[in-house]
Amino acid sequence: MKYALIDMGSNTIHMCVYEVIGTRSTKLFQKKIAAGIASYVEDGNLSENGIKAAVDALRAFNQILNVLEIIDVDVFATASLRNIDNQEEVLRKITLATGRRVEIVSGRQEGIFGYYGLVQEIHPEKGYLVDIGGGSTEITAFSQKGPMNSVSYPIGCLNIYKQNVNGHVIPTQKERTAISASISHAFEDVSYSERLGKRPTLYAVGGSARAVKRLCNYYFGNDEDNTKLKRKQVRELRKYLEKKGQDRIDLLIRYCPDRFHTIIPGMMILEALSERMCADSIEVASSGVREGYLYNKIVNGLEDDTFETELKVSGRTLAWTD
């Protein structure tokens, strides 16, 4: 059967169409709209213009689905609608305007879905997975048995840009200092565990990580399909992009036009987390939350409490407690 999945993120809204046979799926095509929903949040509420942006995107996707006669469709939202105060009103208006019911995915579920998306492509034994979105960042610790703990932090590359940058596309030095302070405060409870490796590889999913990968591969002359980055490479590239010059603008337009203004905050988050995890290497996967959601949908083998009992969670920390 043909199945469509629409992911309403804080920065972009994606629609992926799959061919599903039994428990196997093949992606046929995908389309995305840079709606920037998180930029419409004012005093905790999604504005009418933000609702319109979401509705317009879903209506555009509906037209495609109607032409293709695809009726099996699921729509889910992450931090874009999860963290707003007028969520009930927004969901009602979206459903009335589009005929689509939107499922709100919790931060914990989002982290787990990201893990199961990762392992469809890569088979790491243990480590940390990060998913830097527009409105939140999920960190998932995992071992050979699966996800051990997953925590969602309400800080992403779009909302941190909106909160700290005023009137600039590329953040100024003063604005970058403010962004760095926000990042340090947001992730102050994230700590490293030697049980996940002394120098673990940090695995990353999501559009921000993929954009960083594309930029790094070009800048450092890597193959286009290279998925492994070094933390020092991310830092070197960020410092290059922070300087003025048309060559920097051209690079961003070419490789991440829809993340032009959020890529530096995203790189700063990725750097900070890799440093906290003592990870010198970062491996970027093309699969992520959508693939993990689909896995759960067609295999139905994922439960929200699928964590190792030996990991004692204290508050929000991801550290091991013996």
C-alpha atoms as a PDB file:
ATOM      1  CA  MET A   1       0.000   0.000   0.000  1.00  0.00           C
ATOM      2  CA  LYS A   2       0.973   3.630  -0.408  1.00  0.00           C
ATOM      3  CA  TYR A   3       1.374   5.458   2.897  1.00  0.00           C
ATOM      4  CA  ALA A   4       2.130   9.110   3.587  1.00  0.00           C
ATOM      5  CA  LEU A   5       3.681  10.549   6.715  1.00  0.00           C
ATOM      6  CA  ILE A   6       3.693  14.286   7.436  1.00  0.00           C
ATOM      7  CA  ASP A   7       6.112  15.590  10.055  1.00  0.00           C
ATOM      8  CA  MET A   8       5.290  19.079  11.337  1.00  0.00           C
ATOM      9  CA  GLY A   9       8.615  20.324  12.655  1.00  0.00           C
ATOM     10  CA  SER A  10       9.481  23.722  14.079  1.00  0.00           C
ATOM     11  CA  ASN A  11      11.488  24.742  11.021  1.00  0.00           C
ATOM     12  CA  THR A  12      10.134  22.627   8.158  1.00  0.00           C
ATOM     13  CA  ILE A  13       7.111  20.480   7.421  1.00  0.00           C
ATOM     14  CA  HIS A  14       7.992  17.252   5.596  1.00  0.00           C
ATOM     15  CA  MET A  15       5.817  14.841   3.704  1.00  0.00           C
ATOM     16  CA  CYS A  16       7.241  11.422   2.837  1.00  0.00           C
ATOM     17  CA  VAL A  17       5.392   8.855   0.728  1.00  0.00           C
ATOM     18  CA  TYR A  18       6.269   5.183   1.190  1.00  0.00           C
ATOM     19  CA  GLU A  19       5.439   1.881  -0.409  1.00  0.00           C
ATOM     20  CA  VAL A  20       4.701  -0.459   2.505  1.00  0.00           C
ATOM     21  CA  ILE A  21       4.631  -4.219   1.997  1.00  0.00           C
ATOM     22  CA  GLY A  22       4.267  -6.236   5.170  1.00  0.00           C
ATOM     23  CA  THR A  23       6.883  -4.902   7.571  1.00  0.00           C
ATOM     24  CA  ARG A  24       9.087  -3.452   4.826  1.00  0.00           C
ATOM     25  CA  SER A  25       8.894   0.069   3.482  1.00  0.00           C
ATOM     26  CA  THR A  26      10.466   1.948   0.588  1.00  0.00           C
ATOM     27  CA  LYS A  27      10.481   5.722   0.378  1.00  0.00           C
ATOM     28  CA  LEU A  28       9.062   6.811  -2.965  1.00  0.00           C
ATOM     29  CA  PHE A  29       9.509  10.546  -2.658  1.00  0.00           C
ATOM     30  CA  GLN A  30       9.463  13.421  -0.202  1.00  0.00           C
ATOM     31  CA  LYS A  31       8.610  17.104  -0.222  1.00  0.00           C
ATOM     32  CA  LYS A  32       9.216  19.784   2.373  1.00  0.00           C
ATOM     33  CA  ILE A  33       7.960  23.278   3.057  1.00  0.00           C
ATOM     34  CA  ALA A  34       9.990  25.729   5.149  1.00  0.00           C
ATOM     35  CA  ALA A  35       7.077  26.963   7.267  1.00  0.00           C
ATOM     36  CA  GLY A  36       9.188  28.092  10.256  1.00  0.00           C
ATOM     37  CA  ILE A  37       6.340  27.519  12.714  1.00  0.00           C
ATOM     38  CA  ALA A  38       8.502  28.196  15.774  1.00  0.00           C
ATOM     39  CA  SER A  39       9.130  31.741  14.554  1.00  0.00           C
ATOM     40  CA  TYR A  40       5.400  32.482  14.959  1.00  0.00           C
ATOM     41  CA  VAL A  41       5.308  31.690  18.672  1.00  0.00           C
ATOM     42  CA  GLU A  42       4.541  34.809  20.697  1.00  0.00           C
ATOM     43  CA  ASP A  43       4.281  34.756  24.503  1.00  0.00           C
ATOM     44  CA  GLY A  44       3.952  30.979  24.414  1.00  0.00           C
ATOM     45  CA  ASN A  45       1.130  30.946  21.844  1.00  0.00           C
ATOM     46  CA  LEU A  46       1.222  30.123  18.146  1.00  0.00           C
ATOM     47  CA  SER A  47      -0.111  33.170  16.320  1.00  0.00           C
ATOM     48  CA  GLU A  48      -2.851  33.169  13.675  1.00  0.00           C
ATOM     49  CA  ASN A  49      -0.157  33.626  11.028  1.00  0.00           C
ATOM     50  CA  GLY A  50       1.601  30.546  12.383  1.00  0.00           C
ATOM     51  CA  ILE A  51      -1.615  28.539  12.212  1.00  0.00           C
ATOM     52  CA  LYS A  52      -2.084  29.757   8.629  1.00  0.00           C
ATOM     53  CA  ALA A  53       1.449  28.645   7.725  1.00  0.00           C
ATOM     54  CA  ALA A  54       0.720  25.149   9.063  1.00  0.00           C
ATOM     55  CA  VAL A  55      -2.682  24.991   7.354  1.00  0.00           C
ATOM     56  CA  ASP A  56      -1.297  26.189   4.020  1.00  0.00           C
ATOM     57  CA  ALA A  57       1.403  23.504   4.096  1.00  0.00           C
ATOM     58  CA  LEU A  58      -1.059  20.717   4.906  1.00  0.00           C
ATOM     59  CA  ARG A  59      -3.462  21.902   2.196  1.00  0.00           C
ATOM     60  CA  ALA A  60      -0.629  21.846  -0.341  1.00  0.00           C
ATOM     61  CA  PHE A  61       0.200  18.284   0.691  1.00  0.00           C
ATOM     62  CA  ASN A  62      -3.488  17.332   0.552  1.00  0.00           C
ATOM     63  CA  GLN A  63      -3.613  18.348  -3.106  1.00  0.00           C
ATOM     64  CA  ILE A  64      -0.702  16.037  -3.905  1.00  0.00           C
ATOM     65  CA  LEU A  65      -2.201  13.165  -1.901  1.00  0.00           C
ATOM     66  CA  ASN A  66      -5.564  13.582  -3.591  1.00  0.00           C
ATOM     67  CA  VAL A  67      -3.984  13.394  -7.048  1.00  0.00           C
ATOM     68  CA  LEU A  68      -2.060  10.270  -6.014  1.00  0.00           C
ATOM     69  CA  GLU A  69      -5.184   8.820  -4.349  1.00  0.00           C
ATOM     70  CA  ILE A  70      -3.317   8.091  -1.132  1.00  0.00           C
ATOM     71  CA  ILE A  71      -5.699   7.711   1.791  1.00  0.00           C
ATOM     72  CA  ASP A  72      -3.407   6.184   4.447  1.00  0.00           C
ATOM     73  CA  VAL A  73      -1.921   9.316   5.994  1.00  0.00           C
ATOM     74  CA  ASP A  74      -0.573  10.145   9.437  1.00  0.00           C
ATOM     75  CA  VAL A  75       0.394  13.613  10.632  1.00  0.00           C
ATOM     76  CA  PHE A  76       2.486  14.239  13.717  1.00  0.00           C
ATOM     77  CA  ALA A  77       4.016  17.310  15.318  1.00  0.00           C
ATOM     78  CA  THR A  78       7.041  17.593  17.573  1.00  0.00           C
ATOM     79  CA  ALA A  79       8.171  20.710  19.462  1.00  0.00           C
ATOM     80  CA  SER A  80       6.442  22.935  16.900  1.00  0.00           C
ATOM     81  CA  LEU A  81       3.088  22.284  18.605  1.00  0.00           C
ATOM     82  CA  ARG A  82       4.174  20.344  21.690  1.00  0.00           C
ATOM     83  CA  ASN A  83       5.514  23.374  23.521  1.00  0.00           C
ATOM     84  CA  ILE A  84       2.797  25.945  22.834  1.00  0.00           C
ATOM     85  CA  ASP A  85       0.184  27.064  25.374  1.00  0.00           C
ATOM     86  CA  ASN A  86      -2.739  27.237  22.921  1.00  0.00           C
ATOM     87  CA  GLN A  87      -2.185  23.718  21.626  1.00  0.00           C
ATOM     88  CA  GLU A  88      -5.831  22.598  21.881  1.00  0.00           C
ATOM     89  CA  GLU A  89      -7.082  25.596  19.919  1.00  0.00           C
ATOM     90  CA  VAL A  90      -4.392  25.202  17.261  1.00  0.00           C
ATOM     91  CA  LEU A  91      -5.080  21.480  16.760  1.00  0.00           C
ATOM     92  CA  ARG A  92      -8.812  22.155  16.434  1.00  0.00           C
ATOM     93  CA  LYS A  93      -8.305  24.883  13.824  1.00  0.00           C
ATOM     94  CA  ILE A  94      -5.859  22.781  11.806  1.00  0.00           C
ATOM     95  CA  THR A  95      -8.243  19.814  11.748  1.00  0.00           C
ATOM     96  CA  LEU A  96     -11.220  21.968  10.744  1.00  0.00           C
ATOM     97  CA  ALA A  97      -9.254  23.647   7.953  1.00  0.00           C
ATOM     98  CA  THR A  98      -7.479  20.579   6.538  1.00  0.00           C
ATOM     99  CA  GLY A  99      -9.370  17.494   7.664  1.00  0.00           C
ATOM    100  CA  ARG A 100      -6.167  16.167   9.213  1.00  0.00           C
ATOM    101  CA  ARG A 101      -5.807  15.129  12.841  1.00  0.00           C
ATOM    102  CA  VAL A 102      -2.371  15.955  14.191  1.00  0.00           C
ATOM    103  CA  GLU A 103      -0.745  13.623  16.713  1.00  0.00           C
ATOM    104  CA  ILE A 104       1.524  15.290  19.255  1.00  0.00           C
ATOM    105  CA  VAL A 105       4.712  13.285  19.768  1.00  0.00           C
ATOM    106  CA  SER A 106       6.234  13.684  23.227  1.00  0.00           C
ATOM    107  CA  GLY A 107       9.873  14.614  23.622  1.00  0.00           C
ATOM    108  CA  ARG A 108      10.666  11.161  24.967  1.00  0.00           C
ATOM    109  CA  GLN A 109       8.914   9.475  22.052  1.00  0.00           C
ATOM    110  CA  GLU A 110      10.738  11.723  19.616  1.00  0.00           C
ATOM    111  CA  GLY A 111      14.081  10.609  21.011  1.00  0.00           C
ATOM    112  CA  ILE A 112      13.103   6.943  20.795  1.00  0.00           C
ATOM    113  CA  PHE A 113      11.791   7.331  17.253  1.00  0.00           C
ATOM    114  CA  GLY A 114      15.091   8.973  16.327  1.00  0.00           C
ATOM    115  CA  TYR A 115      16.985   5.985  17.708  1.00  0.00           C
ATOM    116  CA  TYR A 116      14.892   3.467  15.792  1.00  0.00           C
ATOM    117  CA  GLY A 117      15.304   5.547  12.670  1.00  0.00           C
ATOM    118  CA  LEU A 118      19.072   5.532  13.198  1.00  0.00           C
ATOM    119  CA  VAL A 119      19.351   1.752  13.549  1.00  0.00           C
ATOM    120  CA  GLN A 120      17.486   1.203  10.282  1.00  0.00           C
ATOM    121  CA  GLU A 121      20.592   2.663   8.632  1.00  0.00           C
ATOM    122  CA  ILE A 122      23.482   2.303  11.087  1.00  0.00           C
ATOM    123  CA  HIS A 123      24.079  -0.431  13.661  1.00  0.00           C
ATOM    124  CA  PRO A 124      26.081   1.160  16.480  1.00  0.00           C
ATOM    125  CA  GLU A 125      26.684  -0.838  19.659  1.00  0.00           C
ATOM    126  CA  LYS A 126      26.385   2.001  22.160  1.00  0.00           C
ATOM    127  CA  GLY A 127      26.620   5.735  22.450  1.00  0.00           C
ATOM    128  CA  TYR A 128      24.621   8.925  22.305  1.00  0.00           C
ATOM    129  CA  LEU A 129      22.191  10.124  19.669  1.00  0.00           C
ATOM    130  CA  VAL A 130      21.280  13.790  19.267  1.00  0.00           C
ATOM    131  CA  ASP A 131      18.497  15.303  17.197  1.00  0.00           C
ATOM    132  CA  ILE A 132      18.765  19.094  16.950  1.00  0.00           C
ATOM    133  CA  GLY A 133      15.454  20.452  15.761  1.00  0.00           C
ATOM    134  CA  GLY A 134      14.105  23.947  15.381  1.00  0.00           C
ATOM    135  CA  GLY A 135      12.319  24.002  18.736  1.00  0.00           C
ATOM    136  CA  SER A 136      13.880  21.196  20.780  1.00  0.00           C
ATOM    137  CA  THR A 137      16.884  18.905  21.046  1.00  0.00           C
ATOM    138  CA  GLU A 138      16.611  15.233  21.984  1.00  0.00           C
ATOM    139  CA  ILE A 139      19.479  13.261  23.490  1.00  0.00           C
ATOM    140  CA  THR A 140      19.180   9.481  23.677  1.00  0.00           C
ATOM    141  CA  ALA A 141      21.643   7.161  25.408  1.00  0.00           C
ATOM    142  CA  PHE A 142      21.654   3.621  24.022  1.00  0.00           C
ATOM    143  CA  SER A 143      23.458   0.295  24.301  1.00  0.00           C
ATOM    144  CA  GLN A 144      23.316  -3.006  22.437  1.00  0.00           C
ATOM    145  CA  LYS A 145      19.913  -3.659  24.034  1.00  0.00           C
ATOM    146  CA  GLY A 146      18.365  -0.464  22.721  1.00  0.00           C
ATOM    147  CA  PRO A 147      17.533   3.002  24.081  1.00  0.00           C
ATOM    148  CA  MET A 148      18.313   3.412  27.775  1.00  0.00           C
ATOM    149  CA  ASN A 149      17.108   6.943  28.357  1.00  0.00           C
ATOM    150  CA  SER A 150      15.873   9.814  26.228  1.00  0.00           C
ATOM    151  CA  VAL A 151      15.508  13.439  27.262  1.00  0.00           C
ATOM    152  CA  SER A 152      14.045  16.342  25.299  1.00  0.00           C
ATOM    153  CA  TYR A 153      15.308  19.863  25.913  1.00  0.00           C
ATOM    154  CA  PRO A 154      13.177  22.843  24.798  1.00  0.00           C
ATOM    155  CA  ILE A 155      16.039  24.479  22.926  1.00  0.00           C
ATOM    156  CA  GLY A 156      16.575  24.259  19.177  1.00  0.00           C
ATOM    157  CA  CYS A 157      18.375  26.129  16.448  1.00  0.00           C
ATOM    158  CA  LEU A 158      15.327  28.218  15.460  1.00  0.00           C
ATOM    159  CA  ASN A 159      14.000  29.264  18.846  1.00  0.00           C
ATOM    160  CA  ILE A 160      17.481  30.043  20.159  1.00  0.00           C
ATOM    161  CA  TYR A 161      18.077  32.177  17.070  1.00  0.00           C
ATOM    162  CA  LYS A 162      14.799  34.011  17.603  1.00  0.00           C
ATOM    163  CA  GLN A 163      15.555  34.631  21.279  1.00  0.00           C
ATOM    164  CA  ASN A 164      19.084  35.941  20.827  1.00  0.00           C
ATOM    165  CA  VAL A 165      19.475  37.432  17.344  1.00  0.00           C
ATOM    166  CA  ASN A 166      17.958  40.757  16.335  1.00  0.00           C
ATOM    167  CA  GLY A 167      18.228  42.174  12.836  1.00  0.00           C
ATOM    168  CA  HIS A 168      21.024  39.900  11.576  1.00  0.00           C
ATOM    169  CA  VAL A 169      21.103  36.742   9.499  1.00  0.00           C
ATOM    170  CA  ILE A 170      24.536  35.757  10.779  1.00  0.00           C
ATOM    171  CA  PRO A 171      24.702  36.293  14.568  1.00  0.00           C
ATOM    172  CA  THR A 172      27.124  38.949  15.773  1.00  0.00           C
ATOM    173  CA  GLN A 173      29.827  38.218  18.343  1.00  0.00           C
ATOM    174  CA  LYS A 174      27.615  39.576  21.108  1.00  0.00           C
ATOM    175  CA  GLU A 175      24.682  37.469  19.927  1.00  0.00           C
ATOM    176  CA  ARG A 176      26.846  34.350  19.678  1.00  0.00           C
ATOM    177  CA  THR A 177      27.974  34.917  23.257  1.00  0.00           C
ATOM    178  CA  ALA A 178      24.323  35.062  24.327  1.00  0.00           C
ATOM    179  CA  ILE A 179      23.544  31.910  22.335  1.00  0.00           C
ATOM    180  CA  SER A 180      26.485  30.107  23.942  1.00  0.00           C
ATOM    181  CA  ALA A 181      25.273  31.087  27.420  1.00  0.00           C
ATOM    182  CA  SER A 182      21.768  29.806  26.611  1.00  0.00           C
ATOM    183  CA  ILE A 183      23.204  26.509  25.382  1.00  0.00           C
ATOM    184  CA  SER A 184      25.346  26.059  28.501  1.00  0.00           C
ATOM    185  CA  HIS A 185      22.368  26.728  30.743  1.00  0.00           C
ATOM    186  CA  ALA A 186      20.027  24.431  28.800  1.00  0.00           C
ATOM    187  CA  PHE A 187      22.390  21.448  28.862  1.00  0.00           C
ATOM    188  CA  GLU A 188      23.999  21.945  32.264  1.00  0.00           C
ATOM    189  CA  ASP A 189      22.696  18.567  33.494  1.00  0.00           C
ATOM    190  CA  VAL A 190      24.015  16.573  30.531  1.00  0.00           C
ATOM    191  CA  SER A 191      26.997  14.520  31.643  1.00  0.00           C
ATOM    192  CA  TYR A 192      29.281  11.908  30.136  1.00  0.00           C
ATOM    193  CA  SER A 193      29.395   8.209  31.015  1.00  0.00           C
ATOM    194  CA  GLU A 194      32.487   6.058  30.472  1.00  0.00           C
ATOM    195  CA  ARG A 195      30.200   3.041  30.216  1.00  0.00           C
ATOM    196  CA  LEU A 196      29.234   4.336  26.769  1.00  0.00           C
ATOM    197  CA  GLY A 197      32.851   4.580  25.664  1.00  0.00           C
ATOM    198  CA  LYS A 198      35.804   6.751  26.625  1.00  0.00           C
ATOM    199  CA  ARG A 199      35.772   8.569  23.298  1.00  0.00           C
ATOM    200  CA  PRO A 200      32.358   7.689  21.900  1.00  0.00           C
ATOM    201  CA  THR A 201      31.079   8.618  18.478  1.00  0.00           C
ATOM    202  CA  LEU A 202      28.183  11.022  18.714  1.00  0.00           C
ATOM    203  CA  TYR A 203      25.399  10.011  16.321  1.00  0.00           C
ATOM    204  CA  ALA A 204      23.222  12.759  14.883  1.00  0.00           C
ATOM    205  CA  VAL A 205      19.924  12.776  12.991  1.00  0.00           C
ATOM    206  CA  GLY A 206      17.725  15.559  11.686  1.00  0.00           C
ATOM    207  CA  GLY A 207      17.917  18.338   9.123  1.00  0.00           C
ATOM    208  CA  SER A 208      20.385  20.522  11.011  1.00  0.00           C
ATOM    209  CA  ALA A 209      22.945  17.732  11.303  1.00  0.00           C
ATOM    210  CA  ARG A 210      22.528  16.822   7.641  1.00  0.00           C
ATOM    211  CA  ALA A 211      23.046  20.467   6.644  1.00  0.00           C
ATOM    212  CA  VAL A 212      26.253  20.608   8.707  1.00  0.00           C
ATOM    213  CA  LYS A 213      27.415  17.415   7.015  1.00  0.00           C
ATOM    214  CA  ARG A 214      26.834  18.850   3.528  1.00  0.00           C
ATOM    215  CA  LEU A 215      28.698  22.044   4.395  1.00  0.00           C
ATOM    216  CA  CYS A 216      31.625  20.177   5.962  1.00  0.00           C
ATOM    217  CA  ASN A 217      31.951  17.764   3.067  1.00  0.00           C
ATOM    218  CA  TYR A 218      32.231  20.644   0.615  1.00  0.00           C
ATOM    219  CA  TYR A 219      34.476  22.828   2.764  1.00  0.00           C
ATOM    220  CA  PHE A 220      36.943  20.048   3.627  1.00  0.00           C
ATOM    221  CA  GLY A 221      36.826  18.356   0.217  1.00  0.00           C
ATOM    222  CA  ASN A 222      35.213  15.122   1.433  1.00  0.00           C
ATOM    223  CA  ASP A 223      33.136  12.808  -0.732  1.00  0.00           C
ATOM    224  CA  GLU A 224      29.501  13.887  -0.930  1.00  0.00           C
ATOM    225  CA  ASP A 225      28.359  10.645   0.724  1.00  0.00           C
ATOM    226  CA  ASN A 226      30.755  10.971   3.671  1.00  0.00           C
ATOM    227  CA  THR A 227      28.846  10.730   6.952  1.00  0.00           C
ATOM    228  CA  LYS A 228      31.649  11.110   9.508  1.00  0.00           C
ATOM    229  CA  LEU A 229      32.717  14.496  10.840  1.00  0.00           C
ATOM    230  CA  LYS A 230      35.240  15.661  13.415  1.00  0.00           C
ATOM    231  CA  ARG A 231      34.225  18.068  16.162  1.00  0.00           C
ATOM    232  CA  LYS A 232      37.192  20.289  15.310  1.00  0.00           C
ATOM    233  CA  GLN A 233      36.001  20.438  11.695  1.00  0.00           C
ATOM    234  CA  VAL A 234      32.580  21.680  12.783  1.00  0.00           C
ATOM    235  CA  ARG A 235      34.242  24.370  14.911  1.00  0.00           C
ATOM    236  CA  GLU A 236      36.596  25.442  12.113  1.00  0.00           C
ATOM    237  CA  LEU A 237      33.732  25.696   9.619  1.00  0.00           C
ATOM    238  CA  ARG A 238      31.563  27.650  12.064  1.00  0.00           C
ATOM    239  CA  LYS A 239      34.313  30.187  12.654  1.00  0.00           C
ATOM    240  CA  TYR A 240      34.705  30.566   8.904  1.00  0.00           C
ATOM    241  CA  LEU A 241      30.972  31.140   8.392  1.00  0.00           C
ATOM    242  CA  GLU A 242      30.852  33.732  11.163  1.00  0.00           C
ATOM    243  CA  LYS A 243      33.127  36.060   9.215  1.00  0.00           C
ATOM    244  CA  LYS A 244      31.703  38.492   6.684  1.00  0.00           C
ATOM    245  CA  GLY A 245      32.031  37.792   2.985  1.00  0.00           C
ATOM    246  CA  GLN A 246      30.016  36.912  -0.098  1.00  0.00           C
ATOM    247  CA  ASP A 247      31.737  33.520  -0.338  1.00  0.00           C
ATOM    248  CA  ARG A 248      30.178  32.565   3.037  1.00  0.00           C
ATOM    249  CA  ILE A 249      26.736  33.684   1.871  1.00  0.00           C
ATOM    250  CA  ASP A 250      27.106  31.757  -1.385  1.00  0.00           C
ATOM    251  CA  LEU A 251      28.105  28.612   0.519  1.00  0.00           C
ATOM    252  CA  LEU A 252      25.028  28.801   2.763  1.00  0.00           C
ATOM    253  CA  ILE A 253      22.676  29.514  -0.143  1.00  0.00           C
ATOM    254  CA  ARG A 254      24.043  26.553  -2.047  1.00  0.00           C
ATOM    255  CA  TYR A 255      24.046  23.928   0.701  1.00  0.00           C
ATOM    256  CA  CYS A 256      21.408  24.950   3.253  1.00  0.00           C
ATOM    257  CA  PRO A 257      19.133  27.697   1.875  1.00  0.00           C
ATOM    258  CA  ASP A 258      16.238  26.767   4.185  1.00  0.00           C
ATOM    259  CA  ARG A 259      18.521  26.871   7.256  1.00  0.00           C
ATOM    260  CA  PHE A 260      20.429  29.978   6.296  1.00  0.00           C
ATOM    261  CA  HIS A 261      19.797  31.766   9.591  1.00  0.00           C
ATOM    262  CA  THR A 262      19.730  28.760  11.945  1.00  0.00           C
ATOM    263  CA  ILE A 263      22.799  26.832  10.837  1.00  0.00           C
ATOM    264  CA  ILE A 264      25.284  28.608  13.139  1.00  0.00           C
ATOM    265  CA  PRO A 265      23.112  28.128  16.279  1.00  0.00           C
ATOM    266  CA  GLY A 266      22.694  24.500  15.212  1.00  0.00           C
ATOM    267  CA  MET A 267      26.439  24.046  14.845  1.00  0.00           C
ATOM    268  CA  MET A 268      26.988  25.626  18.259  1.00  0.00           C
ATOM    269  CA  ILE A 269      24.569  23.144  19.859  1.00  0.00           C
ATOM    270  CA  LEU A 270      26.233  20.218  18.072  1.00  0.00           C
ATOM    271  CA  GLU A 271      29.683  21.351  19.185  1.00  0.00           C
ATOM    272  CA  ALA A 272      28.596  21.855  22.785  1.00  0.00           C
ATOM    273  CA  LEU A 273      26.979  18.426  23.049  1.00  0.00           C
ATOM    274  CA  SER A 274      29.880  16.597  21.413  1.00  0.00           C
ATOM    275  CA  GLU A 275      32.203  18.281  23.890  1.00  0.00           C
ATOM    276  CA  ARG A 276      30.017  17.309  26.858  1.00  0.00           C
ATOM    277  CA  MET A 277      29.911  13.712  25.610  1.00  0.00           C
ATOM    278  CA  CYS A 278      33.707  13.707  25.097  1.00  0.00           C
ATOM    279  CA  ALA A 279      33.041  12.770  21.472  1.00  0.00           C
ATOM    280  CA  ASP A 280      35.661  13.780  18.912  1.00  0.00           C
ATOM    281  CA  SER A 281      33.704  12.217  16.032  1.00  0.00           C
ATOM    282  CA  ILE A 282      30.160  12.786  14.832  1.00  0.00           C
ATOM    283  CA  GLU A 283      28.349  10.394  12.500  1.00  0.00           C
ATOM    284  CA  VAL A 284      25.334  11.793  10.685  1.00  0.00           C
ATOM    285  CA  ALA A 285      22.496   9.521   9.570  1.00  0.00           C
ATOM    286  CA  SER A 286      19.989  10.272   6.827  1.00  0.00           C
ATOM    287  CA  SER A 287      17.247   8.364   8.672  1.00  0.00           C
ATOM    288  CA  GLY A 288      15.633   9.735  11.800  1.00  0.00           C
ATOM    289  CA  VAL A 289      12.354  10.450  13.549  1.00  0.00           C
ATOM    290  CA  ARG A 290      10.123   9.840  10.528  1.00  0.00           C
ATOM    291  CA  GLU A 291      11.678   6.470   9.817  1.00  0.00           C
ATOM    292  CA  GLY A 292      11.442   5.553  13.509  1.00  0.00           C
ATOM    293  CA  TYR A 293       7.777   6.571  13.590  1.00  0.00           C
ATOM    294  CA  LEU A 294       7.137   4.463  10.506  1.00  0.00           C
ATOM    295  CA  TYR A 295       8.981   1.516  12.070  1.00  0.00           C
ATOM    296  CA  ASN A 296       6.706   1.758  15.092  1.00  0.00           C
ATOM    297  CA  LYS A 297       3.686   2.062  12.825  1.00  0.00           C
ATOM    298  CA  ILE A 298       4.283  -1.008  10.683  1.00  0.00           C
ATOM    299  CA  VAL A 299       6.191  -3.253  13.093  1.00  0.00           C
ATOM    300  CA  ASN A 300       4.367  -2.141  16.252  1.00  0.00           C
ATOM    301  CA  GLY A 301       7.257  -3.251  18.416  1.00  0.00           C
ATOM    302  CA  LEU A 302       8.068  -0.038  20.232  1.00  0.00           C
ATOM    303  CA  GLU A 303       6.864   0.905  23.704  1.00  0.00           C
ATOM    304  CA  ASP A 304       7.412   4.198  25.488  1.00  0.00           C
ATOM    305  CA  ASP A 305       9.010   2.469  28.480  1.00  0.00           C
ATOM    306  CA  THR A 306      11.562   0.454  26.490  1.00  0.00           C
ATOM    307  CA  PHE A 307      14.569   1.349  28.646  1.00  0.00           C
ATOM    308  CA  GLU A 308      17.124  -0.744  30.489  1.00  0.00           C
ATOM    309  CA  THR A 309      16.143  -1.003  34.135  1.00  0.00           C
ATOM    310  CA  GLU A 310      19.775  -0.829  35.255  1.00  0.00           C
ATOM    311  CA  LEU A 311      19.917   2.823  34.198  1.00  0.00           C
ATOM    312  CA  LYS A 312      18.638   4.827  37.140  1.00  0.00           C
ATOM    313  CA  VAL A 313      17.353   8.159  35.941  1.00  0.00           C
ATOM    314  CA  SER A 314      17.736  11.053  38.335  1.00  0.00           C
ATOM    315  CA  GLY A 315      15.835  14.105  37.178  1.00  0.00           C
ATOM    316  CA  ARG A 316      16.785  14.898  33.588  1.00  0.00           C
ATOM    317  CA  THR A 317      20.390  13.690  33.710  1.00  0.00           C
ATOM    318  CA  LEU A 318      21.679  11.184  31.174  1.00  0.00           C
ATOM    319  CA  ALA A 319      24.568  10.029  33.344  1.00  0.00           C
ATOM    320  CA  TRP A 320      24.839   6.513  34.725  1.00  0.00           C
ATOM    321  CA  THR A 321      24.158   6.044  38.433  1.00  0.00           C
ATOM    322  CA  ASP A 322      25.766   2.956  39.942  1.00  0.00           C
END
